[in-house]
Amino acid sequence: MTFKDYQNNYHHPVNNFSHADFWGKNSEHEFGNHFVRWFGTLADKKIVAIRELPVPGSGIADFIVVKQHDCAKTDQPRRTVQAFEFKIKDWRKGLMQAHRYKYFSNSSILVVPSHTVKSAEKSIDLFKQLGVGLWAFNVSSLTVTKKFTPRPKKVMDAKRAAYVFDKAYGDHHDSCERSL
């Protein structure tokens, strides 16, 4: 897995607040770091993972995974994008953010702590209707419970997807994208 972190390459909105420790212990950022480390133990070499990537028109995605697959009918690779949003408290806000990520990703998933998933799970039909996944992550045991994982779909905005591909690979040529 190739890992890229863009949080230091632009002005992050949390830097607008003074005297606040948004990156400290027990923060959403730290929760995301634990998930990313866990995810990295499962990933193969064909994956490019990007942390804190601002995608124009879609906000700052907490974690993006770009997978490259062999395309059966041509010699060109097919790429799929999976976007993750991390929320410790306000799962509703996270659901809306994850829904925006569907513009550039083939699937989008909200990841919440396992001890808070019950309140979000009560609205699992809403997650299914919006096509946004819901996963519960336990930081202590480093385990994930997948409550709902959407099937990959075609991206809604090819320009935003090309932006993500450019950040991941430095190009955006993808002749097999239509096969999703």
Protein backbone atom coordinates (compact mmCIF):
# COMPACT_ATOMS: atom_id res chain seq x y z
CA MET A 1 0.00 0.00 0.00
CA THR A 2 1.29 3.42 -0.93
CA PHE A 3 0.27 6.07 1.58
CA LYS A 4 -0.04 9.83 0.96
CA ASP A 5 -0.99 12.46 3.52
CA TYR A 6 -2.12 15.84 2.18
CA GLN A 7 -3.02 17.56 5.45
CA ASN A 8 0.19 19.62 5.46
CA ASN A 9 -0.04 20.60 1.78
CA TYR A 10 -2.90 23.08 2.17
CA HIS A 11 -4.48 25.33 4.79
CA HIS A 12 -6.67 23.01 6.87
CA PRO A 13 -9.83 24.72 8.21
CA VAL A 14 -9.09 23.70 11.83
CA ASN A 15 -6.08 26.00 11.70
CA ASN A 16 -8.55 28.92 11.75
CA PHE A 17 -9.26 28.19 15.43
CA SER A 18 -6.76 29.32 17.99
CA HIS A 19 -5.91 27.44 21.20
CA ALA A 20 -7.70 24.28 20.14
CA ASP A 21 -6.19 20.80 20.04
CA PHE A 22 -8.06 19.19 17.15
CA TRP A 23 -5.30 16.66 16.46
CA GLY A 24 -4.82 15.50 20.07
CA LYS A 25 -5.59 12.31 21.92
CA ASN A 26 -9.19 11.04 21.64
CA SER A 27 -9.80 13.26 18.62
CA GLU A 28 -11.54 12.30 15.40
CA HIS A 29 -8.17 12.61 13.67
CA GLU A 30 -6.56 10.15 16.07
CA PHE A 31 -9.50 7.75 15.64
CA GLY A 32 -8.93 7.95 11.89
CA ASN A 33 -5.21 7.29 12.32
CA HIS A 34 -5.97 4.06 14.19
CA PHE A 35 -8.35 2.99 11.40
CA VAL A 36 -5.79 3.81 8.71
CA ARG A 37 -3.11 1.76 10.50
CA TRP A 38 -5.56 -1.15 10.80
CA PHE A 39 -6.53 -0.83 7.12
CA GLY A 40 -2.86 -0.82 6.13
CA THR A 41 -2.36 -4.26 7.64
CA LEU A 42 -4.94 -5.67 5.20
CA ALA A 43 -4.04 -3.75 2.07
CA ASP A 44 -2.10 -5.05 -0.90
CA LYS A 45 0.50 -3.30 -3.02
CA LYS A 46 -1.95 -2.13 -5.70
CA ILE A 47 -3.64 0.29 -3.29
CA VAL A 48 -2.90 3.98 -2.92
CA ALA A 49 -4.26 5.42 0.32
CA ILE A 50 -4.66 9.17 0.79
CA ARG A 51 -5.34 10.86 4.12
CA GLU A 52 -7.04 14.26 4.49
CA LEU A 53 -7.50 15.02 0.80
CA PRO A 54 -9.48 18.15 -0.10
CA VAL A 55 -11.57 17.39 -3.20
CA PRO A 56 -12.96 20.57 -4.81
CA GLY A 57 -16.73 20.67 -4.39
CA SER A 58 -16.82 17.70 -2.02
CA GLY A 59 -14.96 18.78 1.10
CA ILE A 60 -11.98 17.16 2.80
CA ALA A 61 -12.17 13.38 2.66
CA ASP A 62 -10.73 11.78 5.80
CA PHE A 63 -9.40 8.71 3.98
CA ILE A 64 -9.46 7.67 0.33
CA VAL A 65 -8.39 4.31 -1.05
CA VAL A 66 -7.70 3.94 -4.77
CA LYS A 67 -7.51 0.34 -5.94
CA GLN A 68 -6.13 -0.63 -9.31
CA HIS A 69 -7.59 -3.76 -10.90
CA ASP A 70 -6.66 -5.58 -14.06
CA CYS A 71 -9.22 -4.95 -16.76
CA ALA A 72 -10.24 -8.21 -18.41
CA LYS A 73 -11.01 -6.84 -21.89
CA THR A 74 -8.11 -4.42 -22.35
CA ASP A 75 -4.56 -3.90 -21.18
CA GLN A 76 -5.56 -0.76 -19.27
CA PRO A 77 -6.08 -0.91 -15.50
CA ARG A 78 -9.44 -0.13 -13.93
CA ARG A 79 -9.40 1.99 -10.79
CA THR A 80 -11.98 2.18 -8.04
CA VAL A 81 -12.15 4.78 -5.31
CA GLN A 82 -13.46 4.11 -1.83
CA ALA A 83 -13.92 7.12 0.46
CA PHE A 84 -14.16 7.02 4.25
CA GLU A 85 -15.48 9.63 6.68
CA PHE A 86 -14.66 9.31 10.39
CA LYS A 87 -17.02 10.62 13.07
CA ILE A 88 -16.80 10.16 16.81
CA LYS A 89 -20.05 11.89 17.79
CA ASP A 90 -22.30 13.34 15.10
CA TRP A 91 -22.98 10.44 12.73
CA ARG A 92 -25.68 12.46 10.90
CA LYS A 93 -23.15 15.07 9.86
CA GLY A 94 -20.78 12.28 8.85
CA LEU A 95 -23.50 10.63 6.77
CA MET A 96 -24.02 13.82 4.77
CA GLN A 97 -20.27 14.29 4.28
CA ALA A 98 -19.88 10.67 3.14
CA HIS A 99 -22.81 11.13 0.77
CA ARG A 100 -20.98 14.05 -0.91
CA TYR A 101 -17.98 11.79 -1.49
CA LYS A 102 -20.08 9.68 -3.87
CA TYR A 103 -19.43 12.38 -6.50
CA PHE A 104 -15.81 11.21 -6.84
CA SER A 105 -15.87 7.70 -5.36
CA ASN A 106 -17.35 4.36 -6.30
CA SER A 107 -18.36 3.74 -2.70
CA SER A 108 -18.43 5.83 0.44
CA ILE A 109 -18.41 4.61 4.04
CA LEU A 110 -18.97 6.29 7.40
CA VAL A 111 -16.78 4.83 10.16
CA VAL A 112 -17.86 5.40 13.77
CA PRO A 113 -16.56 4.03 17.08
CA SER A 114 -18.10 0.68 17.95
CA HIS A 115 -19.56 2.02 21.21
CA THR A 116 -21.58 4.68 19.33
CA VAL A 117 -22.79 2.66 16.33
CA LYS A 118 -26.14 1.68 17.88
CA SER A 119 -27.66 5.14 17.40
CA ALA A 120 -26.58 5.23 13.73
CA GLU A 121 -27.65 1.64 13.18
CA LYS A 122 -31.23 2.59 14.04
CA SER A 123 -31.22 4.54 10.75
CA ILE A 124 -29.62 1.82 8.63
CA ASP A 125 -32.42 2.16 6.06
CA LEU A 126 -31.33 5.78 5.48
CA PHE A 127 -27.74 4.61 4.88
CA LYS A 128 -29.02 2.06 2.36
CA GLN A 129 -31.25 4.61 0.65
CA LEU A 130 -28.35 7.06 0.28
CA GLY A 131 -25.91 4.31 -0.71
CA VAL A 132 -23.48 5.12 2.11
CA GLY A 133 -21.86 2.34 4.13
CA LEU A 134 -21.74 2.12 7.92
CA TRP A 135 -18.83 0.48 9.70
CA ALA A 136 -18.07 0.31 13.42
CA PHE A 137 -14.39 0.41 14.43
CA ASN A 138 -13.13 -0.70 17.83
CA VAL A 139 -9.84 1.06 18.56
CA SER A 140 -8.95 -1.24 21.49
CA SER A 141 -9.29 -4.53 19.64
CA LEU A 142 -8.60 -3.11 16.15
CA THR A 143 -11.70 -4.77 14.72
CA VAL A 144 -14.29 -3.58 12.23
CA THR A 145 -17.95 -4.56 12.16
CA LYS A 146 -19.46 -3.88 8.77
CA LYS A 147 -23.11 -2.96 9.33
CA PHE A 148 -23.66 -2.06 5.67
CA THR A 149 -21.25 -1.89 2.74
CA PRO A 150 -22.62 -0.48 -0.53
CA ARG A 151 -21.83 -2.06 -3.85
CA PRO A 152 -19.42 0.02 -5.93
CA LYS A 153 -21.19 2.28 -8.43
CA LYS A 154 -20.09 4.59 -11.19
CA VAL A 155 -18.79 7.94 -9.93
CA MET A 156 -21.20 10.87 -10.28
CA ASP A 157 -18.59 13.44 -11.41
CA ALA A 158 -15.75 12.25 -13.65
CA LYS A 159 -13.80 15.50 -13.14
CA ARG A 160 -13.67 15.04 -9.37
CA ALA A 161 -12.67 11.40 -9.82
CA ALA A 162 -9.91 12.48 -12.23
CA TYR A 163 -8.67 14.89 -9.55
CA VAL A 164 -8.40 12.01 -7.06
CA PHE A 165 -6.65 9.80 -9.64
CA ASP A 166 -4.22 12.63 -10.35
CA LYS A 167 -3.38 12.93 -6.64
CA ALA A 168 -3.00 9.16 -6.34
CA TYR A 169 -1.09 8.36 -9.54
CA GLY A 170 -0.21 11.63 -11.20
CA ASP A 171 -2.54 10.88 -14.13
CA HIS A 172 -6.20 10.19 -14.73
CA HIS A 173 -6.37 7.94 -17.78
CA ASP A 174 -8.84 5.16 -17.05
CA SER A 175 -10.39 3.39 -20.01
CA CYS A 176 -12.16 0.72 -17.94
CA GLU A 177 -14.07 2.97 -15.55
CA ARG A 178 -17.33 2.35 -17.39
CA SER A 179 -17.19 -1.37 -16.49
CA LEU A 180 -18.32 -0.73 -12.91
